[in-house]
Amino acid sequence: MSKIGFGLLEGRVFSKTLAKWARAARKAPTTELPILRRQRSKARLLKTHLDRLIHTADNRLALPVLGSTSFPKPHNADWAWRPELWRGPLATPGLSSVKTKSMLGNEVTLFHDCDRSELTLRQLRNQREEDLAPYGLRLDVFKFDGSFLSLVIDLPDEGVNGLKRTHLLRMDAIVEMEKPIEIFARLNIRHGPNTEQMVRELPLTEESHRVEFDLAYSNLNEKRVERAWIDIIFEGPEMNQVVLRDLTFSRRPRAHL
């Protein structure tokens, strides 16, 4: 089936049709009633299709664009990234009774120590006007008999290559919760036989949460950096629903003191 477009010919037909209906509208006060009745029937039929098109278009065009990497970044950032789960649809959009070390996509892994998992993970389409990320992640926790629950996001090679102690690594998240809980972000950087760890608590005073890791306060061996990942740790998550509407990372060199 050919695609409907507005090329030269279609544009001329559209202009003539538009002019025809504009003329009919202007003459409606004096048009003979039998003709006006036929025009009204045609106009109503046309309006039904136009209203449906406009409604669908408004809904679709209001959604964040698939694959979007648009988000606020530091002006001097040398790397910025939104994980795939928040960029586009996954082949497997959700998991239930999630076992520990289960992955959703290629970059997000759930860890816990529950004897019986009553956890679900699901990718959802963001539809709010203020959302920049096309997708979000919903975590539902029912009964929780474990001692820890965390999401692990593996940082790509581009964010690890060239990582130095002069870097500031930033994580921005938009989080919704049914009830407030403490959430921590732990940066892990493996360098040689050692793993450097830095922990920050996400502020709960605002919907948008930001934490920064200043590597100047670490013992990072810049020459032996192998990989890095972030643990997002949920404290006391039982009977709660947490939605990560967006999750982004960036790094920039810190100002020289």
C-alpha atoms as a PDB file:
ATOM      1  CA  MET A   1       0.000   0.000   0.000  1.00  0.00           C
ATOM      2  CA  SER A   2       1.450   3.376  -0.989  1.00  0.00           C
ATOM      3  CA  LYS A   3       2.266   5.874   1.715  1.00  0.00           C
ATOM      4  CA  ILE A   4       0.031   8.917   2.066  1.00  0.00           C
ATOM      5  CA  GLY A   5       2.036  12.090   1.648  1.00  0.00           C
ATOM      6  CA  PHE A   6       1.763  15.671   0.497  1.00  0.00           C
ATOM      7  CA  GLY A   7       3.802  15.889  -2.684  1.00  0.00           C
ATOM      8  CA  LEU A   8       3.149  18.384  -5.453  1.00  0.00           C
ATOM      9  CA  LEU A   9       0.000  16.681  -6.760  1.00  0.00           C
ATOM     10  CA  GLU A  10      -1.377  15.934  -3.309  1.00  0.00           C
ATOM     11  CA  GLY A  11      -0.694  19.512  -2.294  1.00  0.00           C
ATOM     12  CA  ARG A  12      -2.738  20.858  -5.210  1.00  0.00           C
ATOM     13  CA  VAL A  13      -5.649  18.517  -4.465  1.00  0.00           C
ATOM     14  CA  PHE A  14      -5.527  19.496  -0.792  1.00  0.00           C
ATOM     15  CA  SER A  15      -5.507  23.215  -1.653  1.00  0.00           C
ATOM     16  CA  LYS A  16      -8.540  22.827  -3.950  1.00  0.00           C
ATOM     17  CA  THR A  17     -10.412  20.772  -1.340  1.00  0.00           C
ATOM     18  CA  LEU A  18      -9.604  23.272   1.390  1.00  0.00           C
ATOM     19  CA  ALA A  19     -10.746  26.161  -0.805  1.00  0.00           C
ATOM     20  CA  LYS A  20     -13.976  24.295  -1.642  1.00  0.00           C
ATOM     21  CA  TRP A  21     -14.881  23.770   2.025  1.00  0.00           C
ATOM     22  CA  ALA A  22     -13.886  27.325   2.929  1.00  0.00           C
ATOM     23  CA  ARG A  23     -16.216  28.630   0.203  1.00  0.00           C
ATOM     24  CA  ALA A  24     -19.040  26.377   1.410  1.00  0.00           C
ATOM     25  CA  ALA A  25     -18.596  27.643   4.961  1.00  0.00           C
ATOM     26  CA  ARG A  26     -18.750  31.279   3.839  1.00  0.00           C
ATOM     27  CA  LYS A  27     -21.934  30.687   1.809  1.00  0.00           C
ATOM     28  CA  ALA A  28     -23.645  28.507   4.459  1.00  0.00           C
ATOM     29  CA  PRO A  29     -25.903  31.349   5.724  1.00  0.00           C
ATOM     30  CA  THR A  30     -27.538  31.655   2.276  1.00  0.00           C
ATOM     31  CA  THR A  31     -27.146  28.130   0.834  1.00  0.00           C
ATOM     32  CA  GLU A  32     -30.372  26.381  -0.109  1.00  0.00           C
ATOM     33  CA  LEU A  33     -31.435  23.938   2.590  1.00  0.00           C
ATOM     34  CA  PRO A  34     -31.312  20.682   0.514  1.00  0.00           C
ATOM     35  CA  ILE A  35     -27.723  21.510  -0.549  1.00  0.00           C
ATOM     36  CA  LEU A  36     -26.795  22.585   2.987  1.00  0.00           C
ATOM     37  CA  ARG A  37     -28.141  19.291   4.367  1.00  0.00           C
ATOM     38  CA  ARG A  38     -25.902  17.280   1.985  1.00  0.00           C
ATOM     39  CA  GLN A  39     -22.893  19.454   2.830  1.00  0.00           C
ATOM     40  CA  ARG A  40     -23.506  18.914   6.537  1.00  0.00           C
ATOM     41  CA  SER A  41     -23.535  15.112   6.133  1.00  0.00           C
ATOM     42  CA  LYS A  42     -20.271  15.182   4.200  1.00  0.00           C
ATOM     43  CA  ALA A  43     -18.683  17.618   6.682  1.00  0.00           C
ATOM     44  CA  ARG A  44     -19.630  15.430   9.652  1.00  0.00           C
ATOM     45  CA  LEU A  45     -18.133  12.351   7.985  1.00  0.00           C
ATOM     46  CA  LEU A  46     -14.949  14.274   7.184  1.00  0.00           C
ATOM     47  CA  LYS A  47     -14.803  15.706  10.708  1.00  0.00           C
ATOM     48  CA  THR A  48     -14.989  12.191  12.230  1.00  0.00           C
ATOM     49  CA  HIS A  49     -11.837  11.117  10.404  1.00  0.00           C
ATOM     50  CA  LEU A  50     -10.039  14.408  11.031  1.00  0.00           C
ATOM     51  CA  ASP A  51     -10.808  14.327  14.771  1.00  0.00           C
ATOM     52  CA  ARG A  52      -9.483  10.760  15.022  1.00  0.00           C
ATOM     53  CA  LEU A  53      -6.313  11.679  13.136  1.00  0.00           C
ATOM     54  CA  ILE A  54      -5.701  14.765  15.296  1.00  0.00           C
ATOM     55  CA  HIS A  55      -6.309  12.855  18.534  1.00  0.00           C
ATOM     56  CA  THR A  56      -3.914  10.042  17.584  1.00  0.00           C
ATOM     57  CA  ALA A  57      -1.293  12.457  16.278  1.00  0.00           C
ATOM     58  CA  ASP A  58      -1.427  14.584  19.438  1.00  0.00           C
ATOM     59  CA  ASN A  59      -0.914  11.514  21.623  1.00  0.00           C
ATOM     60  CA  ARG A  60       1.938  10.098  19.557  1.00  0.00           C
ATOM     61  CA  LEU A  61       3.737  13.388  19.005  1.00  0.00           C
ATOM     62  CA  ALA A  62       3.573  14.187  22.719  1.00  0.00           C
ATOM     63  CA  LEU A  63       5.568  11.054  23.572  1.00  0.00           C
ATOM     64  CA  PRO A  64       9.352  11.261  23.931  1.00  0.00           C
ATOM     65  CA  VAL A  65      11.075  10.194  20.708  1.00  0.00           C
ATOM     66  CA  LEU A  66      12.334   6.597  20.624  1.00  0.00           C
ATOM     67  CA  GLY A  67      16.092   6.378  20.969  1.00  0.00           C
ATOM     68  CA  SER A  68      16.297   9.843  22.485  1.00  0.00           C
ATOM     69  CA  THR A  69      19.601  10.753  24.097  1.00  0.00           C
ATOM     70  CA  SER A  70      18.451  14.263  24.913  1.00  0.00           C
ATOM     71  CA  PHE A  71      18.938  15.303  28.528  1.00  0.00           C
ATOM     72  CA  PRO A  72      20.648  18.121  30.468  1.00  0.00           C
ATOM     73  CA  LYS A  73      24.415  17.639  30.582  1.00  0.00           C
ATOM     74  CA  PRO A  74      27.258  19.644  32.147  1.00  0.00           C
ATOM     75  CA  HIS A  75      28.573  22.105  29.565  1.00  0.00           C
ATOM     76  CA  ASN A  76      32.072  20.597  29.698  1.00  0.00           C
ATOM     77  CA  ALA A  77      31.042  16.916  29.809  1.00  0.00           C
ATOM     78  CA  ASP A  78      33.366  14.605  27.875  1.00  0.00           C
ATOM     79  CA  TRP A  79      30.898  11.693  28.063  1.00  0.00           C
ATOM     80  CA  ALA A  80      27.133  11.357  28.572  1.00  0.00           C
ATOM     81  CA  TRP A  81      24.875   8.321  28.356  1.00  0.00           C
ATOM     82  CA  ARG A  82      21.318   7.036  28.842  1.00  0.00           C
ATOM     83  CA  PRO A  83      21.113   3.212  29.182  1.00  0.00           C
ATOM     84  CA  GLU A  84      19.218   1.270  26.509  1.00  0.00           C
ATOM     85  CA  LEU A  85      16.304   0.390  28.809  1.00  0.00           C
ATOM     86  CA  TRP A  86      15.335   4.081  28.973  1.00  0.00           C
ATOM     87  CA  ARG A  87      16.003   4.719  25.251  1.00  0.00           C
ATOM     88  CA  GLY A  88      13.964   2.116  23.354  1.00  0.00           C
ATOM     89  CA  PRO A  89      11.779  -0.988  23.585  1.00  0.00           C
ATOM     90  CA  LEU A  90      13.336  -4.204  24.866  1.00  0.00           C
ATOM     91  CA  ALA A  91      12.684  -7.632  23.332  1.00  0.00           C
ATOM     92  CA  THR A  92      11.556  -8.812  26.788  1.00  0.00           C
ATOM     93  CA  PRO A  93       9.730  -5.894  28.438  1.00  0.00           C
ATOM     94  CA  GLY A  94       9.190  -7.437  31.866  1.00  0.00           C
ATOM     95  CA  LEU A  95       9.966 -10.138  34.413  1.00  0.00           C
ATOM     96  CA  SER A  96       7.953 -11.550  37.326  1.00  0.00           C
ATOM     97  CA  SER A  97       9.095 -13.497  40.402  1.00  0.00           C
ATOM     98  CA  VAL A  98      12.489 -12.121  39.460  1.00  0.00           C
ATOM     99  CA  LYS A  99      15.425 -14.265  40.503  1.00  0.00           C
ATOM    100  CA  THR A 100      18.657 -12.684  41.639  1.00  0.00           C
ATOM    101  CA  LYS A 101      21.101 -11.822  38.838  1.00  0.00           C
ATOM    102  CA  SER A 102      18.226 -11.578  36.347  1.00  0.00           C
ATOM    103  CA  MET A 103      18.868  -9.121  33.525  1.00  0.00           C
ATOM    104  CA  LEU A 104      16.374  -6.840  31.816  1.00  0.00           C
ATOM    105  CA  GLY A 105      18.074  -5.914  28.585  1.00  0.00           C
ATOM    106  CA  ASN A 106      21.851  -5.990  28.311  1.00  0.00           C
ATOM    107  CA  GLU A 107      22.800  -3.412  30.924  1.00  0.00           C
ATOM    108  CA  VAL A 108      20.481  -3.744  33.944  1.00  0.00           C
ATOM    109  CA  THR A 109      20.674  -6.602  36.482  1.00  0.00           C
ATOM    110  CA  LEU A 110      18.590  -7.131  39.633  1.00  0.00           C
ATOM    111  CA  PHE A 111      20.268  -8.531  42.753  1.00  0.00           C
ATOM    112  CA  HIS A 112      18.593  -9.680  45.975  1.00  0.00           C
ATOM    113  CA  ASP A 113      18.815 -12.430  48.594  1.00  0.00           C
ATOM    114  CA  CYS A 114      15.114 -13.304  49.007  1.00  0.00           C
ATOM    115  CA  ASP A 115      14.203 -16.930  49.649  1.00  0.00           C
ATOM    116  CA  ARG A 116      10.999 -16.352  47.714  1.00  0.00           C
ATOM    117  CA  SER A 117      10.904 -13.620  45.113  1.00  0.00           C
ATOM    118  CA  GLU A 118       7.804 -11.447  45.005  1.00  0.00           C
ATOM    119  CA  LEU A 119       9.419  -8.885  42.737  1.00  0.00           C
ATOM    120  CA  THR A 120       8.497  -7.707  39.251  1.00  0.00           C
ATOM    121  CA  LEU A 121      10.387  -5.560  36.756  1.00  0.00           C
ATOM    122  CA  ARG A 122       8.701  -3.940  33.778  1.00  0.00           C
ATOM    123  CA  GLN A 123       9.692  -1.460  31.138  1.00  0.00           C
ATOM    124  CA  LEU A 124       6.962   1.127  30.572  1.00  0.00           C
ATOM    125  CA  ARG A 125       6.371   3.856  28.011  1.00  0.00           C
ATOM    126  CA  ASN A 126       6.708   7.366  29.416  1.00  0.00           C
ATOM    127  CA  GLN A 127       3.770   9.575  28.431  1.00  0.00           C
ATOM    128  CA  ARG A 128       4.163  12.666  30.581  1.00  0.00           C
ATOM    129  CA  GLU A 129       4.853  15.945  28.797  1.00  0.00           C
ATOM    130  CA  GLU A 130       7.933  16.603  30.934  1.00  0.00           C
ATOM    131  CA  ASP A 131       9.574  13.223  30.254  1.00  0.00           C
ATOM    132  CA  LEU A 132      12.656  13.256  28.019  1.00  0.00           C
ATOM    133  CA  ALA A 133      13.287   9.496  28.214  1.00  0.00           C
ATOM    134  CA  PRO A 134      11.040   7.390  25.935  1.00  0.00           C
ATOM    135  CA  TYR A 135      10.816   4.581  28.514  1.00  0.00           C
ATOM    136  CA  GLY A 136      10.982   4.050  32.257  1.00  0.00           C
ATOM    137  CA  LEU A 137      11.454   1.103  34.608  1.00  0.00           C
ATOM    138  CA  ARG A 138       8.887   0.008  37.190  1.00  0.00           C
ATOM    139  CA  LEU A 139       9.913  -2.130  40.157  1.00  0.00           C
ATOM    140  CA  ASP A 140       7.099  -3.700  42.190  1.00  0.00           C
ATOM    141  CA  VAL A 141       7.980  -5.203  45.549  1.00  0.00           C
ATOM    142  CA  PHE A 142       5.438  -7.187  47.530  1.00  0.00           C
ATOM    143  CA  LYS A 143       6.549  -9.346  50.456  1.00  0.00           C
ATOM    144  CA  PHE A 144      10.298  -8.966  50.919  1.00  0.00           C
ATOM    145  CA  ASP A 145      12.171 -11.431  53.122  1.00  0.00           C
ATOM    146  CA  GLY A 146      15.679 -10.486  52.021  1.00  0.00           C
ATOM    147  CA  SER A 147      18.320  -8.143  53.434  1.00  0.00           C
ATOM    148  CA  PHE A 148      19.243  -6.264  50.227  1.00  0.00           C
ATOM    149  CA  LEU A 149      17.807  -5.247  46.879  1.00  0.00           C
ATOM    150  CA  SER A 150      19.727  -3.457  44.155  1.00  0.00           C
ATOM    151  CA  LEU A 151      19.739  -2.668  40.460  1.00  0.00           C
ATOM    152  CA  VAL A 152      23.135  -2.830  38.801  1.00  0.00           C
ATOM    153  CA  ILE A 153      23.862  -0.782  35.695  1.00  0.00           C
ATOM    154  CA  ASP A 154      27.047  -1.604  33.809  1.00  0.00           C
ATOM    155  CA  LEU A 155      28.719   1.498  32.415  1.00  0.00           C
ATOM    156  CA  PRO A 156      29.880   1.198  28.788  1.00  0.00           C
ATOM    157  CA  ASP A 157      33.511   1.276  27.722  1.00  0.00           C
ATOM    158  CA  GLU A 158      33.131   4.869  26.526  1.00  0.00           C
ATOM    159  CA  GLY A 159      32.466   5.979  30.099  1.00  0.00           C
ATOM    160  CA  VAL A 160      35.399   4.004  31.497  1.00  0.00           C
ATOM    161  CA  ASN A 161      38.105   4.678  28.933  1.00  0.00           C
ATOM    162  CA  GLY A 162      40.277   7.585  29.997  1.00  0.00           C
ATOM    163  CA  LEU A 163      38.682   7.772  33.452  1.00  0.00           C
ATOM    164  CA  LYS A 164      40.894   9.815  35.786  1.00  0.00           C
ATOM    165  CA  ARG A 165      40.904  11.056  39.352  1.00  0.00           C
ATOM    166  CA  THR A 166      40.253  14.524  37.966  1.00  0.00           C
ATOM    167  CA  HIS A 167      36.789  13.440  36.797  1.00  0.00           C
ATOM    168  CA  LEU A 168      33.403  14.089  38.369  1.00  0.00           C
ATOM    169  CA  LEU A 169      30.886  11.344  37.542  1.00  0.00           C
ATOM    170  CA  ARG A 170      27.233  12.405  37.739  1.00  0.00           C
ATOM    171  CA  MET A 171      24.052  10.345  37.893  1.00  0.00           C
ATOM    172  CA  ASP A 172      20.650  11.946  37.297  1.00  0.00           C
ATOM    173  CA  ALA A 173      17.444  10.047  38.023  1.00  0.00           C
ATOM    174  CA  ILE A 174      13.734  10.820  38.013  1.00  0.00           C
ATOM    175  CA  VAL A 175      12.119   8.601  40.628  1.00  0.00           C
ATOM    176  CA  GLU A 176       8.515   8.033  41.699  1.00  0.00           C
ATOM    177  CA  MET A 177       7.573   6.002  44.784  1.00  0.00           C
ATOM    178  CA  GLU A 178       4.336   4.918  46.406  1.00  0.00           C
ATOM    179  CA  LYS A 179       5.921   5.612  49.788  1.00  0.00           C
ATOM    180  CA  PRO A 180       9.298   7.194  50.606  1.00  0.00           C
ATOM    181  CA  ILE A 181      12.291   4.919  51.068  1.00  0.00           C
ATOM    182  CA  GLU A 182      16.018   5.487  51.191  1.00  0.00           C
ATOM    183  CA  ILE A 183      17.835   4.959  47.896  1.00  0.00           C
ATOM    184  CA  PHE A 184      21.613   4.882  47.570  1.00  0.00           C
ATOM    185  CA  ALA A 185      23.887   4.933  44.540  1.00  0.00           C
ATOM    186  CA  ARG A 186      27.229   3.123  44.821  1.00  0.00           C
ATOM    187  CA  LEU A 187      29.890   3.617  42.175  1.00  0.00           C
ATOM    188  CA  ASN A 188      32.201   0.654  41.679  1.00  0.00           C
ATOM    189  CA  ILE A 189      35.396   0.921  39.625  1.00  0.00           C
ATOM    190  CA  ARG A 190      37.595  -2.123  39.152  1.00  0.00           C
ATOM    191  CA  HIS A 191      41.253  -1.257  38.734  1.00  0.00           C
ATOM    192  CA  GLY A 192      43.610  -4.203  38.751  1.00  0.00           C
ATOM    193  CA  PRO A 193      42.893  -6.515  41.702  1.00  0.00           C
ATOM    194  CA  ASN A 194      41.054  -3.758  43.602  1.00  0.00           C
ATOM    195  CA  THR A 195      37.589  -2.244  43.385  1.00  0.00           C
ATOM    196  CA  GLU A 196      37.091   1.371  44.385  1.00  0.00           C
ATOM    197  CA  GLN A 197      33.660   2.141  45.873  1.00  0.00           C
ATOM    198  CA  MET A 198      31.920   5.445  46.576  1.00  0.00           C
ATOM    199  CA  VAL A 199      28.399   5.728  48.022  1.00  0.00           C
ATOM    200  CA  ARG A 200      25.936   8.611  47.796  1.00  0.00           C
ATOM    201  CA  GLU A 201      22.337   8.876  49.011  1.00  0.00           C
ATOM    202  CA  LEU A 202      19.763  10.134  46.546  1.00  0.00           C
ATOM    203  CA  PRO A 203      17.988  13.217  47.884  1.00  0.00           C
ATOM    204  CA  LEU A 204      14.266  12.577  48.326  1.00  0.00           C
ATOM    205  CA  THR A 205      13.173  16.212  48.561  1.00  0.00           C
ATOM    206  CA  GLU A 206      12.602  16.491  44.805  1.00  0.00           C
ATOM    207  CA  GLU A 207      11.343  14.200  42.036  1.00  0.00           C
ATOM    208  CA  SER A 208      14.591  14.701  40.109  1.00  0.00           C
ATOM    209  CA  HIS A 209      17.554  13.224  41.977  1.00  0.00           C
ATOM    210  CA  ARG A 210      21.222  13.969  41.290  1.00  0.00           C
ATOM    211  CA  VAL A 211      24.372  12.587  42.870  1.00  0.00           C
ATOM    212  CA  GLU A 212      28.009  13.215  41.985  1.00  0.00           C
ATOM    213  CA  PHE A 213      31.106  11.149  42.619  1.00  0.00           C
ATOM    214  CA  ASP A 214      34.324  13.156  42.890  1.00  0.00           C
ATOM    215  CA  LEU A 215      37.100  10.743  41.971  1.00  0.00           C
ATOM    216  CA  ALA A 216      39.689  13.072  43.483  1.00  0.00           C
ATOM    217  CA  TYR A 217      38.693  11.553  46.838  1.00  0.00           C
ATOM    218  CA  SER A 218      39.276   7.999  45.641  1.00  0.00           C
ATOM    219  CA  ASN A 219      42.358   5.802  45.486  1.00  0.00           C
ATOM    220  CA  LEU A 220      41.801   5.083  41.805  1.00  0.00           C
ATOM    221  CA  ASN A 221      44.736   3.701  39.845  1.00  0.00           C
ATOM    222  CA  GLU A 222      44.106   5.435  36.523  1.00  0.00           C
ATOM    223  CA  LYS A 223      46.425   3.137  34.572  1.00  0.00           C
ATOM    224  CA  ARG A 224      44.583  -0.049  35.558  1.00  0.00           C
ATOM    225  CA  VAL A 225      40.898   0.868  35.206  1.00  0.00           C
ATOM    226  CA  GLU A 226      39.041  -2.138  33.739  1.00  0.00           C
ATOM    227  CA  ARG A 227      35.296  -1.606  34.216  1.00  0.00           C
ATOM    228  CA  ALA A 228      32.753   0.339  36.232  1.00  0.00           C
ATOM    229  CA  TRP A 229      29.178  -0.136  37.356  1.00  0.00           C
ATOM    230  CA  ILE A 230      26.553   1.544  39.522  1.00  0.00           C
ATOM    231  CA  ASP A 231      24.501  -0.169  42.236  1.00  0.00           C
ATOM    232  CA  ILE A 232      21.155   1.491  42.969  1.00  0.00           C
ATOM    233  CA  ILE A 233      20.291   0.182  46.437  1.00  0.00           C
ATOM    234  CA  PHE A 234      16.754   0.234  47.863  1.00  0.00           C
ATOM    235  CA  GLU A 235      16.361   0.197  51.661  1.00  0.00           C
ATOM    236  CA  GLY A 236      13.171  -1.304  53.110  1.00  0.00           C
ATOM    237  CA  PRO A 237      11.420  -1.789  49.745  1.00  0.00           C
ATOM    238  CA  GLU A 238       8.591  -4.079  50.939  1.00  0.00           C
ATOM    239  CA  MET A 239       5.072  -3.326  49.617  1.00  0.00           C
ATOM    240  CA  ASN A 240       6.190  -0.513  47.390  1.00  0.00           C
ATOM    241  CA  GLN A 241       6.324   0.492  43.755  1.00  0.00           C
ATOM    242  CA  VAL A 242       9.307   2.443  42.458  1.00  0.00           C
ATOM    243  CA  VAL A 243       9.378   3.927  38.955  1.00  0.00           C
ATOM    244  CA  LEU A 244      12.642   5.158  37.470  1.00  0.00           C
ATOM    245  CA  ARG A 245      11.311   7.512  34.796  1.00  0.00           C
ATOM    246  CA  ASP A 246      14.790   8.365  33.605  1.00  0.00           C
ATOM    247  CA  LEU A 247      18.384   7.466  34.394  1.00  0.00           C
ATOM    248  CA  THR A 248      21.364   9.228  32.838  1.00  0.00           C
ATOM    249  CA  PHE A 249      25.089   9.487  33.461  1.00  0.00           C
ATOM    250  CA  SER A 250      27.748  12.009  32.524  1.00  0.00           C
ATOM    251  CA  ARG A 251      31.304  12.841  33.442  1.00  0.00           C
ATOM    252  CA  ARG A 252      33.360  15.991  33.272  1.00  0.00           C
ATOM    253  CA  PRO A 253      36.804  17.112  34.389  1.00  0.00           C
ATOM    254  CA  ARG A 254      36.717  18.922  37.709  1.00  0.00           C
ATOM    255  CA  ALA A 255      37.902  22.502  37.913  1.00  0.00           C
ATOM    256  CA  HIS A 256      41.549  22.903  38.923  1.00  0.00           C
ATOM    257  CA  LEU A 257      41.923  24.207  42.438  1.00  0.00           C
END
